[in-house]
PDB file of N, CA and C in Angstrom:
ATOM      1  N   MET A   1      -9.082 -98.705  90.814  1.00  0.00           N
ATOM      2  CA  MET A   1      -9.454-100.096  90.645  1.00  0.00           C
ATOM      3  C   MET A   1      -8.728-100.624  89.403  1.00  0.00           C
ATOM      4  N   THR A   2      -8.085-101.756  89.570  1.00  0.00           N
ATOM      5  CA  THR A   2      -7.335-102.326  88.450  1.00  0.00           C
ATOM      6  C   THR A   2      -8.267-103.098  87.525  1.00  0.00           C
ATOM      7  N   MET A   3      -7.742-103.445  86.375  1.00  0.00           N
ATOM      8  CA  MET A   3      -8.528-104.184  85.386  1.00  0.00           C
ATOM      9  C   MET A   3      -8.953-105.549  85.950  1.00  0.00           C
ATOM     10  N   TRP A   4      -8.059-106.203  86.667  1.00  0.00           N
ATOM     11  CA  TRP A   4      -8.389-107.518  87.221  1.00  0.00           C
ATOM     12  C   TRP A   4      -9.493-107.431  88.270  1.00  0.00           C
ATOM     13  N   GLN A   5      -9.495-106.383  89.053  1.00  0.00           N
ATOM     14  CA  GLN A   5     -10.559-106.206  90.034  1.00  0.00           C
ATOM     15  C   GLN A   5     -11.909-105.997  89.347  1.00  0.00           C
ATOM     16  N   ILE A   6     -11.899-105.249  88.262  1.00  0.00           N
ATOM     17  CA  ILE A   6     -13.134-105.029  87.506  1.00  0.00           C
ATOM     18  C   ILE A   6     -13.616-106.344  86.906  1.00  0.00           C
ATOM     19  N   ILE A   7     -12.705-107.136  86.365  1.00  0.00           N
ATOM     20  CA  ILE A   7     -13.077-108.428  85.779  1.00  0.00           C
ATOM     21  C   ILE A   7     -13.647-109.361  86.838  1.00  0.00           C
ATOM     22  N   ILE A   8     -13.026-109.387  87.998  1.00  0.00           N
ATOM     23  CA  ILE A   8     -13.521-110.255  89.084  1.00  0.00           C
ATOM     24  C   ILE A   8     -14.896-109.801  89.557  1.00  0.00           C
ATOM     25  N   LEU A   9     -15.083-108.486  89.725  1.00  0.00           N
ATOM     26  CA  LEU A   9     -16.395-107.974  90.144  1.00  0.00           C
ATOM     27  C   LEU A   9     -17.466-108.252  89.093  1.00  0.00           C
ATOM     28  N   ALA A  10     -17.123-108.090  87.831  1.00  0.00           N
ATOM     29  CA  ALA A  10     -18.091-108.382  86.767  1.00  0.00           C
ATOM     30  C   ALA A  10     -18.429-109.868  86.747  1.00  0.00           C
ATOM     31  N   SER A  11     -17.455-110.720  86.983  1.00  0.00           N
ATOM     32  CA  SER A  11     -17.703-112.162  87.021  1.00  0.00           C
ATOM     33  C   SER A  11     -18.622-112.532  88.174  1.00  0.00           C
ATOM     34  N   ILE A  12     -18.389-111.933  89.329  1.00  0.00           N
ATOM     35  CA  ILE A  12     -19.246-112.187  90.486  1.00  0.00           C
ATOM     36  C   ILE A  12     -20.670-111.692  90.212  1.00  0.00           C
ATOM     37  N   ALA A  13     -20.784-110.515  89.586  1.00  0.00           N
ATOM     38  CA  ALA A  13     -22.115-109.984  89.262  1.00  0.00           C
ATOM     39  C   ALA A  13     -22.841-110.907  88.289  1.00  0.00           C
ATOM     40  N   CYS A  14     -22.138-111.435  87.298  1.00  0.00           N
ATOM     41  CA  CYS A  14     -22.765-112.365  86.343  1.00  0.00           C
ATOM     42  C   CYS A  14     -23.211-113.643  87.047  1.00  0.00           C
ATOM     43  N   LEU A  15     -22.382-114.151  87.945  1.00  0.00           N
ATOM     44  CA  LEU A  15     -22.729-115.361  88.689  1.00  0.00           C
ATOM     45  C   LEU A  15     -23.959-115.122  89.552  1.00  0.00           C
ATOM     46  N   LEU A  16     -24.026-113.985  90.247  1.00  0.00           N
ATOM     47  CA  LEU A  16     -25.181-113.680  91.090  1.00  0.00           C
ATOM     48  C   LEU A  16     -26.450-113.511  90.254  1.00  0.00           C
ATOM     49  N   LEU A  17     -26.316-112.903  89.081  1.00  0.00           N
ATOM     50  CA  LEU A  17     -27.469-112.746  88.193  1.00  0.00           C
ATOM     51  C   LEU A  17     -27.971-114.100  87.714  1.00  0.00           C
ATOM     52  N   LYS A  18     -27.049-114.988  87.384  1.00  0.00           N
ATOM     53  CA  LYS A  18     -27.443-116.335  86.950  1.00  0.00           C
ATOM     54  C   LYS A  18     -28.111-117.090  88.102  1.00  0.00           C
ATOM     55  N   LEU A  19     -27.570-116.989  89.295  1.00  0.00           N
ATOM     56  CA  LEU A  19     -28.179-117.656  90.445  1.00  0.00           C
ATOM     57  C   LEU A  19     -29.560-117.078  90.753  1.00  0.00           C
ATOM     58  N   ALA A  20     -29.735-115.777  90.567  1.00  0.00           N
ATOM     59  CA  ALA A  20     -31.047-115.160  90.796  1.00  0.00           C
ATOM     60  C   ALA A  20     -32.077-115.703  89.816  1.00  0.00           C
ATOM     61  N   GLY A  21     -31.643-116.070  88.616  1.00  0.00           N
ATOM     62  CA  GLY A  21     -32.556-116.643  87.635  1.00  0.00           C
ATOM     63  C   GLY A  21     -33.140-117.966  88.088  1.00  0.00           C
ATOM     64  N   TYR A  22     -32.396-118.716  88.879  1.00  0.00           N
ATOM     65  CA  TYR A  22     -32.904-119.991  89.389  1.00  0.00           C
ATOM     66  C   TYR A  22     -33.964-119.792  90.477  1.00  0.00           C
ATOM     67  N   LEU A  23     -34.017-118.611  91.053  1.00  0.00           N
ATOM     68  CA  LEU A  23     -34.993-118.343  92.106  1.00  0.00           C
ATOM     69  C   LEU A  23     -36.354-117.938  91.553  1.00  0.00           C
ATOM     70  N   VAL A  24     -36.426-117.623  90.267  1.00  0.00           N
ATOM     71  CA  VAL A  24     -37.698-117.248  89.646  1.00  0.00           C
ATOM     72  C   VAL A  24     -38.543-118.506  89.490  1.00  0.00           C
ATOM     73  N   PRO A  25     -39.769-118.499  89.993  1.00  0.00           N
ATOM     74  CA  PRO A  25     -40.601-119.701  89.881  1.00  0.00           C
ATOM     75  C   PRO A  25     -40.969-119.994  88.422  1.00  0.00           C
ATOM     76  N   PRO A  26     -40.965-121.270  88.030  1.00  0.00           N
ATOM     77  CA  PRO A  26     -41.295-121.629  86.644  1.00  0.00           C
ATOM     78  C   PRO A  26     -42.702-121.192  86.228  1.00  0.00           C
ATOM     79  N   SER A  27     -43.631-121.147  87.180  1.00  0.00           N
ATOM     80  CA  SER A  27     -44.997-120.741  86.826  1.00  0.00           C
ATOM     81  C   SER A  27     -45.044-119.298  86.331  1.00  0.00           C
ATOM     82  N   LEU A  28     -44.143-118.449  86.824  1.00  0.00           N
ATOM     83  CA  LEU A  28     -44.082-117.064  86.373  1.00  0.00           C
ATOM     84  C   LEU A  28     -43.618-116.987  84.917  1.00  0.00           C
ATOM     85  N   LEU A  29     -42.678-117.822  84.556  1.00  0.00           N
ATOM     86  CA  LEU A  29     -42.122-117.788  83.202  1.00  0.00           C
ATOM     87  C   LEU A  29     -43.050-118.417  82.169  1.00  0.00           C
ATOM     88  N   GLU A  30     -44.028-119.192  82.618  1.00  0.00           N
ATOM     89  CA  GLU A  30     -44.948-119.844  81.687  1.00  0.00           C
ATOM     90  C   GLU A  30     -46.130-118.955  81.303  1.00  0.00           C
ATOM     91  N   ARG A  31     -46.295-117.846  81.956  1.00  0.00           N
ATOM     92  CA  ARG A  31     -47.376-116.916  81.615  1.00  0.00           C
ATOM     93  C   ARG A  31     -47.088-116.262  80.271  1.00  0.00           C
ATOM     94  N   PRO A  32     -48.122-115.845  79.549  1.00  0.00           N
ATOM     95  CA  PRO A  32     -47.913-115.274  78.209  1.00  0.00           C
ATOM     96  C   PRO A  32     -47.090-113.981  78.188  1.00  0.00           C
ATOM     97  N   ALA A  33     -47.339-113.078  79.128  1.00  0.00           N
ATOM     98  CA  ALA A  33     -46.649-111.782  79.093  1.00  0.00           C
ATOM     99  C   ALA A  33     -45.134-111.914  79.290  1.00  0.00           C
ATOM    100  N   PRO A  34     -44.654-112.610  80.327  1.00  0.00           N
ATOM    101  CA  PRO A  34     -43.196-112.741  80.466  1.00  0.00           C
ATOM    102  C   PRO A  34     -42.550-113.497  79.303  1.00  0.00           C
ATOM    103  N   ALA A  35     -43.237-114.492  78.764  1.00  0.00           N
ATOM    104  CA  ALA A  35     -42.683-115.224  77.625  1.00  0.00           C
ATOM    105  C   ALA A  35     -42.561-114.303  76.417  1.00  0.00           C
ATOM    106  N   ARG A  36     -43.574-113.484  76.180  1.00  0.00           N
ATOM    107  CA  ARG A  36     -43.547-112.550  75.047  1.00  0.00           C
ATOM    108  C   ARG A  36     -42.462-111.499  75.228  1.00  0.00           C
ATOM    109  N   ILE A  37     -42.328-110.985  76.449  1.00  0.00           N
ATOM    110  CA  ILE A  37     -41.297-109.989  76.732  1.00  0.00           C
ATOM    111  C   ILE A  37     -39.911-110.588  76.512  1.00  0.00           C
ATOM    112  N   ALA A  38     -39.703-111.811  76.959  1.00  0.00           N
ATOM    113  CA  ALA A  38     -38.407-112.463  76.774  1.00  0.00           C
ATOM    114  C   ALA A  38     -38.092-112.649  75.292  1.00  0.00           C
ATOM    115  N   ASP A  39     -39.086-113.030  74.511  1.00  0.00           N
ATOM    116  CA  ASP A  39     -38.873-113.186  73.069  1.00  0.00           C
ATOM    117  C   ASP A  39     -38.522-111.851  72.417  1.00  0.00           C
ATOM    118  N   LEU A  40     -39.267-110.805  72.743  1.00  0.00           N
ATOM    119  CA  LEU A  40     -39.023-109.498  72.141  1.00  0.00           C
ATOM    120  C   LEU A  40     -37.706-108.891  72.614  1.00  0.00           C
ATOM    121  N   LEU A  41     -37.351-109.127  73.856  1.00  0.00           N
ATOM    122  CA  LEU A  41     -36.100-108.598  74.389  1.00  0.00           C
ATOM    123  C   LEU A  41     -34.908-109.225  73.680  1.00  0.00           C
ATOM    124  N   THR A  42     -34.991-110.508  73.392  1.00  0.00           N
ATOM    125  CA  THR A  42     -33.915-111.185  72.681  1.00  0.00           C
ATOM    126  C   THR A  42     -33.719-110.583  71.298  1.00  0.00           C
ATOM    127  N   VAL A  43     -34.800-110.358  70.585  1.00  0.00           N
ATOM    128  CA  VAL A  43     -34.729-109.776  69.244  1.00  0.00           C
ATOM    129  C   VAL A  43     -34.193-108.353  69.318  1.00  0.00           C
ATOM    130  N   ALA A  44     -34.646-107.575  70.285  1.00  0.00           N
ATOM    131  CA  ALA A  44     -34.193-106.191  70.414  1.00  0.00           C
ATOM    132  C   ALA A  44     -32.700-106.115  70.724  1.00  0.00           C
ATOM    133  N   LEU A  45     -32.218-106.979  71.599  1.00  0.00           N
ATOM    134  CA  LEU A  45     -30.794-106.978  71.925  1.00  0.00           C
ATOM    135  C   LEU A  45     -29.953-107.393  70.729  1.00  0.00           C
ATOM    136  N   LEU A  46     -30.409-108.374  69.974  1.00  0.00           N
ATOM    137  CA  LEU A  46     -29.677-108.789  68.783  1.00  0.00           C
ATOM    138  C   LEU A  46     -29.662-107.678  67.740  1.00  0.00           C
ATOM    139  N   ALA A  47     -30.785-107.002  67.551  1.00  0.00           N
ATOM    140  CA  ALA A  47     -30.843-105.890  66.599  1.00  0.00           C
ATOM    141  C   ALA A  47     -29.916-104.753  67.029  1.00  0.00           C
ATOM    142  N   ALA A  48     -29.872-104.462  68.315  1.00  0.00           N
ATOM    143  CA  ALA A  48     -28.984-103.412  68.810  1.00  0.00           C
ATOM    144  C   ALA A  48     -27.523-103.796  68.607  1.00  0.00           C
ATOM    145  N   LEU A  49     -27.196-105.050  68.839  1.00  0.00           N
ATOM    146  CA  LEU A  49     -25.821-105.506  68.627  1.00  0.00           C
ATOM    147  C   LEU A  49     -25.423-105.382  67.160  1.00  0.00           C
ATOM    148  N   ILE A  50     -26.316-105.766  66.269  1.00  0.00           N
ATOM    149  CA  ILE A  50     -26.036-105.650  64.836  1.00  0.00           C
ATOM    150  C   ILE A  50     -25.861-104.183  64.448  1.00  0.00           C
ATOM    151  N   ALA A  51     -26.715-103.309  64.956  1.00  0.00           N
ATOM    152  CA  ALA A  51     -26.611-101.882  64.630  1.00  0.00           C
ATOM    153  C   ALA A  51     -25.303-101.286  65.131  1.00  0.00           C
ATOM    154  N   VAL A  52     -24.926-101.619  66.340  1.00  0.00           N
ATOM    155  CA  VAL A  52     -23.688-101.080  66.897  1.00  0.00           C
ATOM    156  C   VAL A  52     -22.473-101.586  66.129  1.00  0.00           C
ATOM    157  N   ARG A  53     -22.452-102.878  65.812  1.00  0.00           N
ATOM    158  CA  ARG A  53     -21.315-103.443  65.083  1.00  0.00           C
ATOM    159  C   ARG A  53     -21.268-102.965  63.632  1.00  0.00           C
ATOM    160  N   THR A  54     -22.417-102.624  63.051  1.00  0.00           N
ATOM    161  CA  THR A  54     -22.445-102.176  61.663  1.00  0.00           C
ATOM    162  C   THR A  54     -22.127-100.694  61.540  1.00  0.00           C
ATOM    163  N   LEU A  55     -22.696 -99.881  62.402  1.00  0.00           N
ATOM    164  CA  LEU A  55     -22.574 -98.430  62.272  1.00  0.00           C
ATOM    165  C   LEU A  55     -21.531 -97.798  63.179  1.00  0.00           C
ATOM    166  N   GLY A  56     -21.099 -98.493  64.199  1.00  0.00           N
ATOM    167  CA  GLY A  56     -20.212 -97.880  65.165  1.00  0.00           C
ATOM    168  C   GLY A  56     -18.746 -98.159  64.912  1.00  0.00           C
ATOM    169  N   VAL A  57     -17.960 -97.102  64.952  1.00  0.00           N
ATOM    170  CA  VAL A  57     -16.507 -97.201  64.915  1.00  0.00           C
ATOM    171  C   VAL A  57     -16.003 -96.287  66.020  1.00  0.00           C
ATOM    172  N   GLY A  58     -15.563 -96.883  67.107  1.00  0.00           N
ATOM    173  CA  GLY A  58     -15.187 -96.067  68.260  1.00  0.00           C
ATOM    174  C   GLY A  58     -16.429 -95.420  68.845  1.00  0.00           C
ATOM    175  N   GLU A  59     -16.419 -94.114  68.920  1.00  0.00           N
ATOM    176  CA  GLU A  59     -17.572 -93.388  69.431  1.00  0.00           C
ATOM    177  C   GLU A  59     -18.327 -92.665  68.317  1.00  0.00           C
ATOM    178  N   ALA A  60     -17.975 -92.943  67.072  1.00  0.00           N
ATOM    179  CA  ALA A  60     -18.606 -92.265  65.940  1.00  0.00           C
ATOM    180  C   ALA A  60     -19.507 -93.226  65.184  1.00  0.00           C
ATOM    181  N   ILE A  61     -20.437 -92.651  64.437  1.00  0.00           N
ATOM    182  CA  ILE A  61     -21.299 -93.438  63.554  1.00  0.00           C
ATOM    183  C   ILE A  61     -20.734 -93.294  62.141  1.00  0.00           C
ATOM    184  N   VAL A  62     -20.469 -94.436  61.512  1.00  0.00           N
ATOM    185  CA  VAL A  62     -19.878 -94.431  60.181  1.00  0.00           C
ATOM    186  C   VAL A  62     -20.765 -95.245  59.251  1.00  0.00           C
ATOM    187  N   VAL A  63     -21.127 -94.649  58.125  1.00  0.00           N
ATOM    188  CA  VAL A  63     -21.905 -95.362  57.113  1.00  0.00           C
ATOM    189  C   VAL A  63     -20.933 -95.714  55.991  1.00  0.00           C
ATOM    190  N   ASP A  64     -20.628 -96.992  55.857  1.00  0.00           N
ATOM    191  CA  ASP A  64     -19.714 -97.434  54.822  1.00  0.00           C
ATOM    192  C   ASP A  64     -20.307 -98.634  54.104  1.00  0.00           C
ATOM    193  N   ALA A  65     -19.495 -99.497  53.561  1.00  0.00           N
ATOM    194  CA  ALA A  65     -19.960-100.618  52.741  1.00  0.00           C
ATOM    195  C   ALA A  65     -20.746-101.651  53.544  1.00  0.00           C
ATOM    196  N   ARG A  66     -20.613-101.646  54.855  1.00  0.00           N
ATOM    197  CA  ARG A  66     -21.339-102.630  55.661  1.00  0.00           C
ATOM    198  C   ARG A  66     -22.845-102.389  55.661  1.00  0.00           C
ATOM    199  N   VAL A  67     -23.259-101.129  55.579  1.00  0.00           N
ATOM    200  CA  VAL A  67     -24.690-100.812  55.641  1.00  0.00           C
ATOM    201  C   VAL A  67     -25.455-101.410  54.456  1.00  0.00           C
ATOM    202  N   PRO A  68     -25.030-101.177  53.202  1.00  0.00           N
ATOM    203  CA  PRO A  68     -25.746-101.830  52.100  1.00  0.00           C
ATOM    204  C   PRO A  68     -25.665-103.354  52.162  1.00  0.00           C
ATOM    205  N   ALA A  69     -24.561-103.885  52.651  1.00  0.00           N
ATOM    206  CA  ALA A  69     -24.435-105.337  52.775  1.00  0.00           C
ATOM    207  C   ALA A  69     -25.452-105.893  53.760  1.00  0.00           C
ATOM    208  N   VAL A  70     -25.667-105.195  54.882  1.00  0.00           N
ATOM    209  CA  VAL A  70     -26.660-105.635  55.857  1.00  0.00           C
ATOM    210  C   VAL A  70     -28.067-105.502  55.277  1.00  0.00           C
ATOM    211  N   ILE A  71     -28.312-104.442  54.516  1.00  0.00           N
ATOM    212  CA  ILE A  71     -29.628-104.269  53.892  1.00  0.00           C
ATOM    213  C   ILE A  71     -29.904-105.399  52.908  1.00  0.00           C
ATOM    214  N   VAL A  72     -28.902-105.756  52.118  1.00  0.00           N
ATOM    215  CA  VAL A  72     -29.044-106.885  51.189  1.00  0.00           C
ATOM    216  C   VAL A  72     -29.287-108.184  51.961  1.00  0.00           C
ATOM    217  N   ALA A  73     -28.567-108.377  53.063  1.00  0.00           N
ATOM    218  CA  ALA A  73     -28.748-109.586  53.871  1.00  0.00           C
ATOM    219  C   ALA A  73     -30.160-109.664  54.441  1.00  0.00           C
ATOM    220  N   VAL A  74     -30.682-108.538  54.906  1.00  0.00           N
ATOM    221  CA  VAL A  74     -32.047-108.518  55.444  1.00  0.00           C
ATOM    222  C   VAL A  74     -33.057-108.859  54.354  1.00  0.00           C
ATOM    223  N   ALA A  75     -32.854-108.294  53.171  1.00  0.00           N
ATOM    224  CA  ALA A  75     -33.767-108.586  52.062  1.00  0.00           C
ATOM    225  C   ALA A  75     -33.718-110.062  51.678  1.00  0.00           C
ATOM    226  N   LEU A  76     -32.534-110.632  51.648  1.00  0.00           N
ATOM    227  CA  LEU A  76     -32.415-112.049  51.303  1.00  0.00           C
ATOM    228  C   LEU A  76     -33.026-112.944  52.382  1.00  0.00           C
ATOM    229  N   PHE A  77     -32.861-112.558  53.638  1.00  0.00           N
ATOM    230  CA  PHE A  77     -33.500-113.327  54.714  1.00  0.00           C
ATOM    231  C   PHE A  77     -35.017-113.264  54.587  1.00  0.00           C
ATOM    232  N   ALA A  78     -35.538-112.098  54.202  1.00  0.00           N
ATOM    233  CA  ALA A  78     -36.986-111.958  54.024  1.00  0.00           C
ATOM    234  C   ALA A  78     -37.491-112.858  52.904  1.00  0.00           C
ATOM    235  N   LEU A  79     -36.630-113.115  51.926  1.00  0.00           N
ATOM    236  CA  LEU A  79     -36.989-114.006  50.820  1.00  0.00           C
ATOM    237  C   LEU A  79     -36.713-115.479  51.129  1.00  0.00           C
ATOM    238  N   ARG A  80     -36.265-115.755  52.359  1.00  0.00           N
ATOM    239  CA  ARG A  80     -35.986-117.118  52.830  1.00  0.00           C
ATOM    240  C   ARG A  80     -34.873-117.800  52.033  1.00  0.00           C
ATOM    241  N   VAL A  81     -33.845-117.046  51.693  1.00  0.00           N
ATOM    242  CA  VAL A  81     -32.686-117.587  50.990  1.00  0.00           C
ATOM    243  C   VAL A  81     -31.819-118.320  52.017  1.00  0.00           C
ATOM    244  N   PRO A  82     -31.146-119.410  51.647  1.00  0.00           N
ATOM    245  CA  PRO A  82     -30.276-120.126  52.594  1.00  0.00           C
ATOM    246  C   PRO A  82     -29.187-119.206  53.171  1.00  0.00           C
ATOM    247  N   PHE A  83     -28.816-119.490  54.396  1.00  0.00           N
ATOM    248  CA  PHE A  83     -27.889-118.629  55.142  1.00  0.00           C
ATOM    249  C   PHE A  83     -26.563-118.445  54.424  1.00  0.00           C
ATOM    250  N   ILE A  84     -25.996-119.511  53.906  1.00  0.00           N
ATOM    251  CA  ILE A  84     -24.686-119.402  53.256  1.00  0.00           C
ATOM    252  C   ILE A  84     -24.756-118.484  52.045  1.00  0.00           C
ATOM    253  N   VAL A  85     -25.862-118.510  51.328  1.00  0.00           N
ATOM    254  CA  VAL A  85     -26.038-117.613  50.173  1.00  0.00           C
ATOM    255  C   VAL A  85     -26.144-116.162  50.654  1.00  0.00           C
ATOM    256  N   VAL A  86     -26.843-115.954  51.746  1.00  0.00           N
ATOM    257  CA  VAL A  86     -26.979-114.599  52.307  1.00  0.00           C
ATOM    258  C   VAL A  86     -25.601-114.051  52.670  1.00  0.00           C
ATOM    259  N   VAL A  87     -24.801-114.855  53.337  1.00  0.00           N
ATOM    260  CA  VAL A  87     -23.470-114.410  53.755  1.00  0.00           C
ATOM    261  C   VAL A  87     -22.600-114.108  52.539  1.00  0.00           C
ATOM    262  N   LEU A  88     -22.605-114.984  51.567  1.00  0.00           N
ATOM    263  CA  LEU A  88     -21.773-114.785  50.377  1.00  0.00           C
ATOM    264  C   LEU A  88     -22.199-113.542  49.585  1.00  0.00           C
ATOM    265  N   VAL A  89     -23.487-113.368  49.376  1.00  0.00           N
ATOM    266  CA  VAL A  89     -23.964-112.211  48.610  1.00  0.00           C
ATOM    267  C   VAL A  89     -23.676-110.917  49.363  1.00  0.00           C
ATOM    268  N   ALA A  90     -23.907-110.904  50.668  1.00  0.00           N
ATOM    269  CA  ALA A  90     -23.623-109.693  51.454  1.00  0.00           C
ATOM    270  C   ALA A  90     -22.130-109.372  51.422  1.00  0.00           C
ATOM    271  N   ALA A  91     -21.289-110.390  51.497  1.00  0.00           N
ATOM    272  CA  ALA A  91     -19.842-110.163  51.423  1.00  0.00           C
ATOM    273  C   ALA A  91     -19.446-109.625  50.052  1.00  0.00           C
ATOM    274  N   LEU A  92     -20.052-110.152  49.016  1.00  0.00           N
ATOM    275  CA  LEU A  92     -19.762-109.658  47.668  1.00  0.00           C
ATOM    276  C   LEU A  92     -20.215-108.214  47.485  1.00  0.00           C
ATOM    277  N   VAL A  93     -21.365-107.870  48.041  1.00  0.00           N
ATOM    278  CA  VAL A  93     -21.846-106.481  47.961  1.00  0.00           C
ATOM    279  C   VAL A  93     -20.873-105.543  48.677  1.00  0.00           C
ATOM    280  N   ALA A  94     -20.459-105.917  49.875  1.00  0.00           N
ATOM    281  CA  ALA A  94     -19.515-105.062  50.617  1.00  0.00           C
ATOM    282  C   ALA A  94     -18.184-104.961  49.882  1.00  0.00           C
ATOM    283  N   ALA A  95     -17.687-106.079  49.356  1.00  0.00           N
ATOM    284  CA  ALA A  95     -16.418-106.056  48.629  1.00  0.00           C
ATOM    285  C   ALA A  95     -16.537-105.216  47.356  1.00  0.00           C
ATOM    286  N   GLY A  96     -17.653-105.348  46.654  1.00  0.00           N
ATOM    287  CA  GLY A  96     -17.850-104.556  45.448  1.00  0.00           C
ATOM    288  C   GLY A  96     -17.890-103.074  45.721  1.00  0.00           C
ATOM    289  N   ILE A  97     -18.589-102.682  46.772  1.00  0.00           N
ATOM    290  CA  ILE A  97     -18.657-101.256  47.128  1.00  0.00           C
ATOM    291  C   ILE A  97     -17.287-100.737  47.539  1.00  0.00           C
ATOM    292  N   ARG A  98     -16.554-101.524  48.307  1.00  0.00           N
ATOM    293  CA  ARG A  98     -15.220-101.098  48.729  1.00  0.00           C
ATOM    294  C   ARG A  98     -14.252-101.025  47.544  1.00  0.00           C
ATOM    295  N   ALA A  99     -14.453-101.878  46.534  1.00  0.00           N
ATOM    296  CA  ALA A  99     -13.583-101.853  45.371  1.00  0.00           C
ATOM    297  C   ALA A  99     -13.776-100.587  44.546  1.00  0.00           C
ATOM    298  N   PHE A 100     -15.000-100.060  44.534  1.00  0.00           N
ATOM    299  CA  PHE A 100     -15.295 -98.891  43.715  1.00  0.00           C
ATOM    300  C   PHE A 100     -15.161 -97.569  44.468  1.00  0.00           C
ATOM    301  N   THR A 101     -14.905 -97.616  45.759  1.00  0.00           N
ATOM    302  CA  THR A 101     -14.757 -96.359  46.508  1.00  0.00           C
ATOM    303  C   THR A 101     -13.340 -96.144  46.959  1.00  0.00           C
TER     304      THR A 101
END
């Protein structure tokens, strides 16, 4: 199977999944349990994406300057610091660690 065939099949699968979403009755989505699951699933997927992008390099797990930068960013978010400040401080932490190693 060529790369283009895989891309076309994946596109068709995404389209069918999106169309299947329109078949779900709105009354089902308004119940508390599905709404809660959807909220938690979104957070879990975002956390997994952040973990993979922070710790993953190829097929290996690498702990480098990004890990302390993410920890600092999480702490600043917990303190309700503005987003731009969080990004700048986390970037400075990563740059500082990379400068000394």
